[in-house]
N, C-alpha and C. Protein backbone atom coordinates (compact mmCIF):
# COMPACT_ATOMS: atom_id res chain seq x y z
N MET A 1 0.85 -1.20 0.00
CA MET A 1 0.00 0.00 0.00
C MET A 1 0.89 1.25 0.00
N PRO A 2 0.58 2.23 -0.85
CA PRO A 2 1.38 3.45 -0.85
C PRO A 2 1.12 4.27 0.40
N ALA A 3 2.10 5.07 0.79
CA ALA A 3 1.88 5.97 1.91
C ALA A 3 0.84 7.01 1.53
N ASN A 4 0.16 7.52 2.55
CA ASN A 4 -0.81 8.56 2.27
C ASN A 4 -0.13 9.78 1.66
N GLY A 5 -0.83 10.44 0.75
CA GLY A 5 -0.30 11.65 0.15
C GLY A 5 -0.40 12.82 1.10
N LYS A 6 -0.04 13.99 0.61
CA LYS A 6 -0.08 15.21 1.41
C LYS A 6 -0.95 16.25 0.70
N LEU A 7 -1.68 17.02 1.48
CA LEU A 7 -2.53 18.09 0.95
C LEU A 7 -1.92 19.44 1.31
N ILE A 8 -1.54 20.18 0.28
CA ILE A 8 -1.02 21.53 0.44
C ILE A 8 -2.05 22.50 -0.12
N THR A 9 -2.39 23.52 0.65
CA THR A 9 -3.39 24.48 0.19
C THR A 9 -2.79 25.89 0.16
N LEU A 10 -3.34 26.68 -0.74
CA LEU A 10 -2.90 28.06 -0.93
C LEU A 10 -4.09 28.96 -0.65
N GLU A 11 -3.92 29.89 0.28
CA GLU A 11 -5.00 30.78 0.68
C GLU A 11 -4.56 32.24 0.57
N GLY A 12 -5.54 33.14 0.57
CA GLY A 12 -5.25 34.56 0.53
C GLY A 12 -6.42 35.35 0.00
N GLY A 13 -6.38 36.64 0.20
CA GLY A 13 -7.44 37.51 -0.26
C GLY A 13 -7.34 37.79 -1.75
N GLU A 14 -8.18 38.70 -2.21
CA GLU A 14 -8.20 39.05 -3.63
C GLU A 14 -6.87 39.69 -4.02
N GLY A 15 -6.37 39.33 -5.22
CA GLY A 15 -5.16 39.94 -5.73
C GLY A 15 -3.88 39.54 -5.04
N ALA A 16 -3.91 38.42 -4.30
CA ALA A 16 -2.72 38.01 -3.56
C ALA A 16 -1.68 37.33 -4.43
N GLY A 17 -2.06 36.98 -5.67
CA GLY A 17 -1.11 36.35 -6.58
C GLY A 17 -1.09 34.84 -6.50
N LYS A 18 -2.22 34.24 -6.13
CA LYS A 18 -2.26 32.80 -5.94
C LYS A 18 -1.94 32.02 -7.22
N SER A 19 -2.41 32.48 -8.35
CA SER A 19 -2.17 31.74 -9.60
C SER A 19 -0.70 31.61 -9.92
N THR A 20 0.04 32.70 -9.76
CA THR A 20 1.48 32.69 -10.03
C THR A 20 2.20 31.79 -9.05
N VAL A 21 1.83 31.90 -7.78
CA VAL A 21 2.46 31.09 -6.74
C VAL A 21 2.13 29.61 -6.92
N LEU A 22 0.89 29.32 -7.29
CA LEU A 22 0.49 27.93 -7.50
C LEU A 22 1.35 27.28 -8.58
N ALA A 23 1.56 27.99 -9.67
CA ALA A 23 2.40 27.45 -10.75
C ALA A 23 3.83 27.21 -10.27
N ALA A 24 4.34 28.13 -9.45
CA ALA A 24 5.71 27.98 -8.95
C ALA A 24 5.82 26.78 -8.01
N ILE A 25 4.83 26.57 -7.16
CA ILE A 25 4.85 25.43 -6.25
C ILE A 25 4.78 24.13 -7.05
N ARG A 26 3.91 24.10 -8.03
CA ARG A 26 3.79 22.89 -8.85
C ARG A 26 5.12 22.53 -9.50
N ALA A 27 5.81 23.55 -10.03
CA ALA A 27 7.11 23.31 -10.67
C ALA A 27 8.15 22.86 -9.65
N GLN A 28 8.13 23.45 -8.47
CA GLN A 28 9.09 23.07 -7.43
C GLN A 28 8.87 21.63 -6.98
N LEU A 29 7.60 21.24 -6.81
CA LEU A 29 7.30 19.87 -6.42
C LEU A 29 7.73 18.89 -7.52
N ALA A 30 7.46 19.26 -8.78
CA ALA A 30 7.85 18.40 -9.89
C ALA A 30 9.36 18.20 -9.92
N ALA A 31 10.11 19.26 -9.65
CA ALA A 31 11.57 19.16 -9.63
C ALA A 31 12.06 18.24 -8.51
N ALA A 32 11.22 18.11 -7.47
CA ALA A 32 11.55 17.21 -6.35
C ALA A 32 11.01 15.81 -6.58
N GLY A 33 10.46 15.57 -7.77
CA GLY A 33 9.94 14.25 -8.09
C GLY A 33 8.53 14.00 -7.63
N ILE A 34 7.80 15.07 -7.33
CA ILE A 34 6.44 14.95 -6.83
C ILE A 34 5.47 15.47 -7.89
N ASP A 35 4.69 14.58 -8.46
CA ASP A 35 3.70 14.95 -9.48
C ASP A 35 2.39 15.26 -8.77
N ALA A 36 2.23 16.51 -8.35
CA ALA A 36 1.06 16.88 -7.55
C ALA A 36 -0.18 17.04 -8.43
N LEU A 37 -1.30 16.60 -7.89
CA LEU A 37 -2.59 16.86 -8.52
C LEU A 37 -3.01 18.26 -8.11
N VAL A 38 -3.33 19.11 -9.07
CA VAL A 38 -3.68 20.50 -8.79
C VAL A 38 -5.18 20.71 -9.00
N THR A 39 -5.82 21.35 -8.02
CA THR A 39 -7.25 21.60 -8.13
C THR A 39 -7.57 22.97 -7.54
N ARG A 40 -8.84 23.33 -7.53
CA ARG A 40 -9.22 24.65 -7.02
C ARG A 40 -10.59 24.61 -6.37
N GLU A 41 -10.85 25.64 -5.56
CA GLU A 41 -12.15 25.81 -4.93
C GLU A 41 -12.64 27.24 -5.13
N PRO A 42 -13.97 27.40 -5.24
CA PRO A 42 -14.92 26.33 -5.52
C PRO A 42 -14.67 25.78 -6.93
N GLY A 43 -14.97 24.51 -7.12
CA GLY A 43 -14.75 23.90 -8.42
C GLY A 43 -14.03 22.58 -8.29
N GLY A 44 -13.23 22.26 -9.31
CA GLY A 44 -12.43 21.06 -9.27
C GLY A 44 -13.11 19.79 -9.73
N THR A 45 -14.42 19.83 -9.86
CA THR A 45 -15.20 18.71 -10.40
C THR A 45 -16.27 19.32 -11.31
N GLU A 46 -16.94 18.50 -12.09
CA GLU A 46 -17.99 19.03 -12.95
C GLU A 46 -19.09 19.71 -12.13
N THR A 47 -19.48 19.05 -11.03
CA THR A 47 -20.49 19.64 -10.15
C THR A 47 -19.98 20.91 -9.51
N GLY A 48 -18.74 20.86 -9.02
CA GLY A 48 -18.17 22.03 -8.36
C GLY A 48 -18.02 23.23 -9.27
N GLU A 49 -17.68 22.99 -10.52
CA GLU A 49 -17.54 24.10 -11.47
C GLU A 49 -18.89 24.75 -11.76
N ALA A 50 -19.95 23.94 -11.78
CA ALA A 50 -21.29 24.50 -11.97
C ALA A 50 -21.67 25.37 -10.77
N ILE A 51 -21.34 24.91 -9.57
CA ILE A 51 -21.61 25.69 -8.37
C ILE A 51 -20.78 26.97 -8.37
N ARG A 52 -19.55 26.88 -8.84
CA ARG A 52 -18.68 28.06 -8.92
C ARG A 52 -19.32 29.16 -9.75
N GLN A 53 -19.96 28.77 -10.86
CA GLN A 53 -20.60 29.76 -11.72
C GLN A 53 -21.67 30.53 -10.96
N VAL A 54 -22.41 29.83 -10.11
CA VAL A 54 -23.46 30.49 -9.31
C VAL A 54 -22.82 31.40 -8.27
N LEU A 55 -21.82 30.91 -7.58
CA LEU A 55 -21.21 31.66 -6.49
C LEU A 55 -20.52 32.94 -6.96
N LEU A 56 -19.92 32.91 -8.14
CA LEU A 56 -19.13 34.06 -8.60
C LEU A 56 -19.84 34.93 -9.63
N ASP A 57 -21.07 34.58 -9.99
CA ASP A 57 -21.81 35.32 -11.01
C ASP A 57 -22.03 36.77 -10.57
N PRO A 58 -21.44 37.75 -11.27
CA PRO A 58 -21.59 39.14 -10.86
C PRO A 58 -23.01 39.67 -11.02
N GLN A 59 -23.85 38.91 -11.72
CA GLN A 59 -25.25 39.33 -11.87
C GLN A 59 -26.09 38.97 -10.64
N ARG A 60 -25.47 38.32 -9.65
CA ARG A 60 -26.20 37.89 -8.47
C ARG A 60 -25.83 38.66 -7.19
N PRO A 61 -25.31 39.86 -7.26
CA PRO A 61 -24.93 40.53 -6.01
C PRO A 61 -26.15 40.74 -5.12
N GLY A 62 -26.02 40.33 -3.88
CA GLY A 62 -27.12 40.53 -2.93
C GLY A 62 -28.23 39.53 -3.03
N THR A 63 -28.17 38.61 -3.99
CA THR A 63 -29.28 37.67 -4.15
C THR A 63 -29.06 36.36 -3.41
N LEU A 64 -27.82 36.07 -3.02
CA LEU A 64 -27.52 34.86 -2.25
C LEU A 64 -27.43 35.21 -0.78
N SER A 65 -28.16 34.50 0.05
CA SER A 65 -28.02 34.71 1.49
C SER A 65 -26.67 34.16 1.94
N ALA A 66 -26.21 34.63 3.10
CA ALA A 66 -24.94 34.14 3.63
C ALA A 66 -25.00 32.64 3.87
N GLU A 67 -26.17 32.16 4.30
CA GLU A 67 -26.33 30.73 4.55
C GLU A 67 -26.25 29.93 3.26
N SER A 68 -26.88 30.44 2.21
CA SER A 68 -26.82 29.74 0.92
C SER A 68 -25.40 29.71 0.38
N GLU A 69 -24.70 30.83 0.50
CA GLU A 69 -23.32 30.89 0.03
C GLU A 69 -22.47 29.85 0.75
N LEU A 70 -22.62 29.78 2.07
CA LEU A 70 -21.84 28.82 2.86
C LEU A 70 -22.14 27.38 2.44
N LEU A 71 -23.43 27.06 2.29
CA LEU A 71 -23.80 25.70 1.92
C LEU A 71 -23.36 25.34 0.50
N LEU A 72 -23.43 26.30 -0.40
CA LEU A 72 -22.95 26.04 -1.76
C LEU A 72 -21.44 25.78 -1.77
N MET A 73 -20.70 26.55 -0.98
CA MET A 73 -19.26 26.32 -0.89
C MET A 73 -18.97 24.90 -0.41
N PHE A 74 -19.71 24.47 0.60
CA PHE A 74 -19.45 23.13 1.12
C PHE A 74 -20.04 22.03 0.23
N ALA A 75 -21.04 22.34 -0.56
CA ALA A 75 -21.51 21.36 -1.53
C ALA A 75 -20.43 21.09 -2.56
N SER A 76 -19.81 22.15 -3.05
CA SER A 76 -18.70 22.00 -3.99
C SER A 76 -17.55 21.26 -3.33
N ARG A 77 -17.24 21.61 -2.09
CA ARG A 77 -16.11 20.99 -1.36
C ARG A 77 -16.37 19.51 -1.08
N ALA A 78 -17.61 19.18 -0.71
CA ALA A 78 -17.94 17.78 -0.44
C ALA A 78 -17.68 16.91 -1.67
N GLN A 79 -18.07 17.42 -2.83
CA GLN A 79 -17.85 16.67 -4.07
C GLN A 79 -16.36 16.56 -4.38
N LEU A 80 -15.64 17.66 -4.19
CA LEU A 80 -14.20 17.66 -4.47
C LEU A 80 -13.46 16.67 -3.58
N VAL A 81 -13.78 16.67 -2.29
CA VAL A 81 -13.11 15.76 -1.36
C VAL A 81 -13.33 14.31 -1.76
N ARG A 82 -14.59 13.97 -2.05
CA ARG A 82 -14.92 12.57 -2.31
C ARG A 82 -14.54 12.10 -3.71
N GLU A 83 -14.59 13.00 -4.66
CA GLU A 83 -14.32 12.61 -6.05
C GLU A 83 -12.85 12.74 -6.42
N VAL A 84 -12.16 13.71 -5.82
CA VAL A 84 -10.79 14.02 -6.26
C VAL A 84 -9.76 13.90 -5.15
N VAL A 85 -9.93 14.67 -4.09
CA VAL A 85 -8.86 14.84 -3.11
C VAL A 85 -8.59 13.58 -2.30
N GLN A 86 -9.62 13.02 -1.65
CA GLN A 86 -9.38 11.86 -0.81
C GLN A 86 -8.89 10.64 -1.59
N PRO A 87 -9.45 10.35 -2.77
CA PRO A 87 -8.90 9.24 -3.54
C PRO A 87 -7.42 9.42 -3.90
N ALA A 88 -7.05 10.67 -4.24
CA ALA A 88 -5.65 10.92 -4.58
C ALA A 88 -4.75 10.72 -3.36
N LEU A 89 -5.17 11.24 -2.21
CA LEU A 89 -4.37 11.08 -1.00
C LEU A 89 -4.25 9.61 -0.62
N ASP A 90 -5.35 8.88 -0.74
CA ASP A 90 -5.33 7.45 -0.40
C ASP A 90 -4.39 6.67 -1.31
N ALA A 91 -4.24 7.16 -2.54
CA ALA A 91 -3.34 6.49 -3.50
C ALA A 91 -1.89 6.93 -3.32
N GLY A 92 -1.63 7.80 -2.34
CA GLY A 92 -0.27 8.24 -2.08
C GLY A 92 0.16 9.47 -2.84
N ARG A 93 -0.79 10.11 -3.53
CA ARG A 93 -0.45 11.27 -4.34
C ARG A 93 -0.57 12.56 -3.53
N TRP A 94 0.26 13.52 -3.84
CA TRP A 94 0.17 14.84 -3.21
C TRP A 94 -0.85 15.67 -3.99
N VAL A 95 -1.57 16.52 -3.26
CA VAL A 95 -2.59 17.38 -3.84
C VAL A 95 -2.28 18.83 -3.49
N LEU A 96 -2.38 19.69 -4.48
CA LEU A 96 -2.15 21.13 -4.31
C LEU A 96 -3.45 21.84 -4.68
N SER A 97 -4.07 22.51 -3.71
CA SER A 97 -5.38 23.12 -3.94
C SER A 97 -5.35 24.63 -3.76
N ASP A 98 -5.90 25.32 -4.74
CA ASP A 98 -6.12 26.76 -4.67
C ASP A 98 -7.38 26.98 -3.84
N ARG A 99 -7.18 27.22 -2.56
CA ARG A 99 -8.21 27.37 -1.53
C ARG A 99 -8.74 26.03 -1.05
N PHE A 100 -9.18 26.05 0.23
CA PHE A 100 -9.86 24.90 0.83
C PHE A 100 -10.70 25.45 1.98
N THR A 101 -10.93 24.66 3.01
CA THR A 101 -11.89 25.06 4.04
C THR A 101 -11.52 26.35 4.76
N ASP A 102 -10.23 26.66 4.88
CA ASP A 102 -9.86 27.92 5.53
C ASP A 102 -10.52 29.12 4.85
N ALA A 103 -10.76 29.00 3.55
CA ALA A 103 -11.41 30.10 2.83
C ALA A 103 -12.82 30.34 3.35
N SER A 104 -13.52 29.29 3.75
CA SER A 104 -14.86 29.47 4.29
C SER A 104 -14.83 30.12 5.66
N PHE A 105 -13.84 29.75 6.49
CA PHE A 105 -13.70 30.44 7.77
C PHE A 105 -13.42 31.92 7.56
N ALA A 106 -12.67 32.26 6.50
CA ALA A 106 -12.32 33.66 6.24
C ALA A 106 -13.46 34.42 5.57
N TYR A 107 -13.98 33.87 4.46
CA TYR A 107 -14.97 34.60 3.67
C TYR A 107 -16.39 34.48 4.24
N GLN A 108 -16.83 33.27 4.48
CA GLN A 108 -18.19 33.10 4.99
C GLN A 108 -18.26 33.34 6.50
N GLY A 109 -17.16 33.07 7.20
CA GLY A 109 -17.10 33.33 8.63
C GLY A 109 -16.76 34.78 8.92
N GLY A 110 -15.52 35.16 8.62
CA GLY A 110 -15.11 36.54 8.88
C GLY A 110 -15.88 37.55 8.05
N GLY A 111 -16.00 37.28 6.75
CA GLY A 111 -16.65 38.23 5.86
C GLY A 111 -18.14 38.32 6.04
N ARG A 112 -18.82 37.17 6.06
CA ARG A 112 -20.29 37.15 6.11
C ARG A 112 -20.87 37.04 7.52
N GLY A 113 -20.02 36.71 8.48
CA GLY A 113 -20.50 36.62 9.85
C GLY A 113 -21.16 35.30 10.22
N GLN A 114 -20.94 34.28 9.41
CA GLN A 114 -21.45 32.97 9.77
C GLN A 114 -20.66 32.41 10.96
N PRO A 115 -21.33 31.75 11.90
CA PRO A 115 -20.64 31.27 13.11
C PRO A 115 -19.53 30.27 12.76
N PHE A 116 -18.38 30.45 13.38
CA PHE A 116 -17.27 29.55 13.12
C PHE A 116 -17.60 28.12 13.54
N ALA A 117 -18.39 27.97 14.58
CA ALA A 117 -18.79 26.63 15.01
C ALA A 117 -19.60 25.93 13.93
N ARG A 118 -20.43 26.67 13.23
CA ARG A 118 -21.22 26.10 12.13
C ARG A 118 -20.31 25.65 11.00
N ILE A 119 -19.31 26.46 10.69
CA ILE A 119 -18.38 26.10 9.62
C ILE A 119 -17.56 24.88 10.03
N ALA A 120 -17.15 24.83 11.30
CA ALA A 120 -16.38 23.69 11.78
C ALA A 120 -17.19 22.40 11.69
N GLU A 121 -18.50 22.48 11.97
CA GLU A 121 -19.35 21.30 11.85
C GLU A 121 -19.46 20.85 10.40
N LEU A 122 -19.58 21.80 9.48
CA LEU A 122 -19.60 21.46 8.07
C LEU A 122 -18.27 20.87 7.62
N GLU A 123 -17.18 21.37 8.19
CA GLU A 123 -15.87 20.81 7.89
C GLU A 123 -15.81 19.34 8.30
N ARG A 124 -16.35 19.03 9.47
CA ARG A 124 -16.34 17.64 9.94
C ARG A 124 -17.21 16.75 9.08
N TRP A 125 -18.35 17.28 8.65
CA TRP A 125 -19.33 16.46 7.93
C TRP A 125 -19.12 16.51 6.42
N ALA A 126 -19.31 17.68 5.83
CA ALA A 126 -19.26 17.79 4.37
C ALA A 126 -17.86 17.58 3.83
N ALA A 127 -16.85 18.06 4.55
CA ALA A 127 -15.46 17.91 4.08
C ALA A 127 -14.78 16.70 4.71
N ALA A 128 -15.57 15.85 5.36
CA ALA A 128 -15.08 14.59 5.93
C ALA A 128 -13.94 14.80 6.92
N GLY A 129 -13.90 15.98 7.55
CA GLY A 129 -12.87 16.26 8.54
C GLY A 129 -11.47 16.42 7.97
N LEU A 130 -11.37 16.55 6.66
CA LEU A 130 -10.06 16.63 6.01
C LEU A 130 -9.43 18.00 6.24
N LYS A 131 -8.19 17.99 6.73
CA LYS A 131 -7.44 19.22 6.95
C LYS A 131 -6.14 19.17 6.14
N PRO A 132 -5.70 20.31 5.64
CA PRO A 132 -4.42 20.34 4.91
C PRO A 132 -3.25 19.98 5.80
N ASP A 133 -2.20 19.46 5.19
CA ASP A 133 -0.95 19.21 5.90
C ASP A 133 -0.11 20.48 5.98
N LEU A 134 -0.27 21.34 4.98
CA LEU A 134 0.45 22.61 4.93
C LEU A 134 -0.43 23.63 4.23
N THR A 135 -0.52 24.83 4.81
CA THR A 135 -1.28 25.91 4.19
C THR A 135 -0.40 27.14 4.09
N LEU A 136 -0.26 27.66 2.88
CA LEU A 136 0.46 28.90 2.66
C LEU A 136 -0.56 30.03 2.54
N LEU A 137 -0.46 31.01 3.41
CA LEU A 137 -1.35 32.16 3.39
C LEU A 137 -0.62 33.35 2.78
N LEU A 138 -1.08 33.77 1.60
CA LEU A 138 -0.51 34.95 0.96
C LEU A 138 -1.21 36.18 1.53
N ASP A 139 -0.49 36.92 2.34
CA ASP A 139 -1.08 38.03 3.08
C ASP A 139 -0.54 39.35 2.57
N LEU A 140 -1.46 40.28 2.30
CA LEU A 140 -1.07 41.64 1.91
C LEU A 140 -2.20 42.59 2.26
N PRO A 141 -1.92 43.90 2.35
CA PRO A 141 -2.96 44.86 2.67
C PRO A 141 -4.12 44.78 1.68
N VAL A 142 -5.32 44.96 2.18
CA VAL A 142 -6.53 44.79 1.36
C VAL A 142 -6.54 45.75 0.18
N ASP A 143 -6.20 47.01 0.41
CA ASP A 143 -6.29 47.97 -0.69
C ASP A 143 -5.33 47.60 -1.83
N ALA A 144 -4.16 47.10 -1.49
CA ALA A 144 -3.20 46.69 -2.53
C ALA A 144 -3.73 45.49 -3.30
N GLY A 145 -4.30 44.53 -2.59
CA GLY A 145 -4.84 43.35 -3.25
C GLY A 145 -6.01 43.67 -4.17
N LEU A 146 -6.90 44.53 -3.71
CA LEU A 146 -8.06 44.89 -4.54
C LEU A 146 -7.62 45.66 -5.78
N ALA A 147 -6.61 46.50 -5.65
CA ALA A 147 -6.12 47.24 -6.81
C ALA A 147 -5.59 46.27 -7.87
N ARG A 148 -4.88 45.23 -7.43
CA ARG A 148 -4.39 44.22 -8.36
C ARG A 148 -5.56 43.48 -9.00
N ALA A 149 -6.50 43.03 -8.16
CA ALA A 149 -7.61 42.21 -8.66
C ALA A 149 -8.46 42.98 -9.66
N ARG A 150 -8.72 44.23 -9.36
CA ARG A 150 -9.62 45.01 -10.22
C ARG A 150 -8.91 45.52 -11.46
N GLY A 151 -7.61 45.34 -11.51
CA GLY A 151 -6.88 45.75 -12.70
C GLY A 151 -6.74 44.64 -13.73
N ARG A 152 -7.28 43.46 -13.41
CA ARG A 152 -7.10 42.33 -14.33
C ARG A 152 -8.36 41.97 -15.09
N GLY A 153 -9.44 42.74 -14.92
CA GLY A 153 -10.66 42.45 -15.66
C GLY A 153 -11.90 42.68 -14.83
N PRO A 154 -13.08 42.34 -15.39
CA PRO A 154 -14.35 42.54 -14.67
C PRO A 154 -14.36 41.79 -13.34
N ALA A 155 -14.97 42.40 -12.34
CA ALA A 155 -15.04 41.79 -11.01
C ALA A 155 -16.10 40.70 -10.96
N ASP A 156 -15.82 39.65 -10.17
CA ASP A 156 -16.85 38.64 -9.94
C ASP A 156 -17.70 39.06 -8.74
N ARG A 157 -18.67 38.23 -8.35
CA ARG A 157 -19.61 38.62 -7.30
C ARG A 157 -18.91 38.92 -5.98
N ILE A 158 -17.91 38.13 -5.64
CA ILE A 158 -17.19 38.35 -4.38
C ILE A 158 -16.36 39.63 -4.45
N GLU A 159 -15.69 39.84 -5.56
CA GLU A 159 -14.83 41.01 -5.70
C GLU A 159 -15.60 42.33 -5.67
N LEU A 160 -16.92 42.25 -5.85
CA LEU A 160 -17.74 43.46 -5.80
C LEU A 160 -18.02 43.93 -4.37
N GLU A 161 -17.62 43.13 -3.37
CA GLU A 161 -17.84 43.51 -1.98
C GLU A 161 -17.02 44.75 -1.61
N ASN A 162 -17.41 45.40 -0.50
CA ASN A 162 -16.71 46.61 -0.07
C ASN A 162 -15.44 46.27 0.70
N ILE A 163 -14.63 47.28 0.94
CA ILE A 163 -13.33 47.06 1.56
C ILE A 163 -13.46 46.54 2.98
N GLU A 164 -14.54 46.92 3.68
CA GLU A 164 -14.73 46.44 5.05
C GLU A 164 -14.90 44.92 5.07
N PHE A 165 -15.59 44.39 4.08
CA PHE A 165 -15.75 42.94 3.96
C PHE A 165 -14.38 42.27 3.87
N PHE A 166 -13.53 42.78 3.00
CA PHE A 166 -12.22 42.17 2.79
C PHE A 166 -11.28 42.37 3.97
N GLU A 167 -11.46 43.44 4.72
CA GLU A 167 -10.67 43.61 5.94
C GLU A 167 -11.05 42.53 6.95
N ARG A 168 -12.33 42.19 7.03
CA ARG A 168 -12.77 41.12 7.94
C ARG A 168 -12.22 39.77 7.47
N VAL A 169 -12.21 39.57 6.15
CA VAL A 169 -11.66 38.33 5.60
C VAL A 169 -10.18 38.19 5.98
N ARG A 170 -9.43 39.28 5.77
CA ARG A 170 -8.00 39.22 6.09
C ARG A 170 -7.78 38.96 7.58
N ALA A 171 -8.55 39.64 8.41
CA ALA A 171 -8.40 39.44 9.86
C ALA A 171 -8.69 38.00 10.25
N ALA A 172 -9.70 37.40 9.63
CA ALA A 172 -10.04 36.01 9.95
C ALA A 172 -8.93 35.06 9.50
N TYR A 173 -8.38 35.32 8.34
CA TYR A 173 -7.26 34.49 7.86
C TYR A 173 -6.08 34.59 8.83
N ARG A 174 -5.73 35.81 9.22
CA ARG A 174 -4.57 36.00 10.08
C ARG A 174 -4.78 35.37 11.45
N ALA A 175 -6.00 35.47 11.96
CA ALA A 175 -6.31 34.85 13.25
C ALA A 175 -6.21 33.34 13.16
N ARG A 176 -6.69 32.79 12.06
CA ARG A 176 -6.63 31.34 11.88
C ARG A 176 -5.18 30.87 11.75
N ALA A 177 -4.36 31.63 11.05
CA ALA A 177 -2.96 31.28 10.90
C ALA A 177 -2.24 31.30 12.25
N GLN A 178 -2.63 32.23 13.10
CA GLN A 178 -2.02 32.31 14.42
C GLN A 178 -2.46 31.13 15.29
N THR A 179 -3.73 30.77 15.19
CA THR A 179 -4.27 29.68 16.00
C THR A 179 -3.69 28.33 15.58
N GLU A 180 -3.48 28.15 14.27
CA GLU A 180 -2.96 26.88 13.76
C GLU A 180 -1.58 27.09 13.13
N ALA A 181 -0.70 27.66 13.94
CA ALA A 181 0.63 28.07 13.43
C ALA A 181 1.46 26.90 12.93
N SER A 182 1.24 25.69 13.44
CA SER A 182 2.04 24.56 13.00
C SER A 182 1.73 24.15 11.56
N ARG A 183 0.53 24.50 11.11
CA ARG A 183 0.12 24.15 9.74
C ARG A 183 0.34 25.29 8.76
N PHE A 184 0.17 26.51 9.20
CA PHE A 184 0.25 27.69 8.32
C PHE A 184 1.68 28.21 8.18
N ARG A 185 1.94 28.73 6.98
CA ARG A 185 3.13 29.55 6.74
C ARG A 185 2.61 30.84 6.12
N VAL A 186 2.81 31.95 6.80
CA VAL A 186 2.32 33.24 6.31
C VAL A 186 3.38 33.86 5.40
N ILE A 187 2.98 34.14 4.17
CA ILE A 187 3.86 34.71 3.16
C ILE A 187 3.52 36.18 2.97
N ASP A 188 4.51 37.05 3.06
CA ASP A 188 4.29 38.48 2.85
C ASP A 188 4.15 38.72 1.34
N ALA A 189 2.89 38.76 0.88
CA ALA A 189 2.62 38.89 -0.55
C ALA A 189 2.63 40.33 -1.02
N GLY A 190 2.92 41.26 -0.12
CA GLY A 190 3.03 42.65 -0.52
C GLY A 190 4.41 43.00 -1.06
N LYS A 191 5.35 42.07 -0.93
CA LYS A 191 6.71 42.30 -1.41
C LYS A 191 6.79 42.06 -2.92
N PRO A 192 7.89 42.44 -3.56
CA PRO A 192 8.07 42.14 -4.99
C PRO A 192 7.95 40.64 -5.25
N LEU A 193 7.54 40.30 -6.47
CA LEU A 193 7.26 38.92 -6.80
C LEU A 193 8.42 37.98 -6.49
N GLU A 194 9.64 38.39 -6.82
CA GLU A 194 10.77 37.50 -6.59
C GLU A 194 10.95 37.18 -5.10
N ASP A 195 10.63 38.16 -4.25
CA ASP A 195 10.72 37.95 -2.80
C ASP A 195 9.61 37.01 -2.33
N VAL A 196 8.41 37.19 -2.89
CA VAL A 196 7.29 36.31 -2.55
C VAL A 196 7.62 34.87 -2.92
N LEU A 197 8.12 34.68 -4.13
CA LEU A 197 8.44 33.33 -4.59
C LEU A 197 9.58 32.72 -3.77
N ALA A 198 10.50 33.53 -3.31
CA ALA A 198 11.59 33.02 -2.47
C ALA A 198 11.05 32.53 -1.13
N GLN A 199 10.11 33.27 -0.55
CA GLN A 199 9.49 32.83 0.70
C GLN A 199 8.76 31.50 0.51
N VAL A 200 8.03 31.41 -0.59
CA VAL A 200 7.27 30.19 -0.90
C VAL A 200 8.22 29.02 -1.10
N GLU A 201 9.28 29.24 -1.86
CA GLU A 201 10.24 28.18 -2.13
C GLU A 201 10.83 27.63 -0.84
N THR A 202 11.15 28.52 0.09
CA THR A 202 11.72 28.10 1.37
C THR A 202 10.73 27.24 2.15
N ALA A 203 9.48 27.67 2.18
CA ALA A 203 8.45 26.92 2.92
C ALA A 203 8.22 25.55 2.32
N ILE A 204 8.13 25.48 1.00
CA ILE A 204 7.88 24.20 0.33
C ILE A 204 9.09 23.28 0.47
N ALA A 205 10.29 23.82 0.33
CA ALA A 205 11.49 23.00 0.46
C ALA A 205 11.57 22.37 1.84
N ALA A 206 11.25 23.13 2.87
CA ALA A 206 11.28 22.60 4.23
C ALA A 206 10.25 21.49 4.40
N PHE A 207 9.07 21.68 3.83
CA PHE A 207 8.00 20.67 3.95
C PHE A 207 8.38 19.39 3.21
N VAL A 208 8.90 19.53 2.01
CA VAL A 208 9.31 18.36 1.23
C VAL A 208 10.44 17.62 1.94
N SER A 209 11.39 18.36 2.50
CA SER A 209 12.50 17.74 3.21
C SER A 209 11.99 16.94 4.40
N GLU A 210 10.99 17.49 5.08
CA GLU A 210 10.46 16.83 6.28
C GLU A 210 9.68 15.56 5.92
N HIS A 211 8.98 15.61 4.79
CA HIS A 211 8.07 14.51 4.46
C HIS A 211 8.59 13.59 3.37
N GLY A 212 9.77 13.87 2.85
CA GLY A 212 10.40 12.96 1.91
C GLY A 212 9.77 12.97 0.54
N GLY A 213 10.06 11.92 -0.23
CA GLY A 213 9.57 11.83 -1.60
C GLY A 213 8.11 11.52 -1.65
N ALA A 214 7.57 11.40 -2.86
CA ALA A 214 6.15 11.16 -3.02
C ALA A 214 5.91 10.24 -4.19
N ALA A 215 4.74 9.64 -4.18
CA ALA A 215 4.33 8.82 -5.33
C ALA A 215 3.96 9.73 -6.48
N THR A 216 4.17 9.26 -7.70
CA THR A 216 3.78 10.03 -8.87
C THR A 216 2.66 9.33 -9.57
């Protein structure tokens, strides 16, 4: 039987540069002989991608209740865990995900005010209690992140929120990183790209060194 794989997640607010960092991590893992399965949230499955369209549709601002948003996020996550993530981990493969349950604690919890206990219960049930082995949090000031995000094209439903919403999201992320410091690595994403990638490379190299090789 192969050893269990590892789940690495990438978190952060709008405009944090997750796409660029995700590609760099994938390349670094590949260079270490680790063929990671890459996925995203919401999405990652046919069902999840359909839910993503609803969640991010800019024509729906104000039409989704906070409760509906939370449940839709976990509906997508439940499918992703059972269809993609858990089977890969069980087969010994490493998984790299653009967002996971921490995003719900930040966006639906911090941003929307949904009780953290409710989200934790959904994590236990809908996400089968699955927690990442390593989470990189790309942290930068909200105004800088929004300027980046809004400079790359039309805003989605979440990006249309006000700055106070995103300040609450950032605060929730930072609090969670402090509470679960053994799992999180906070990356200063406000620095120049080469500095950000250097921080990420250091964190990933240490994790790979600690956990050894991986199945491909």
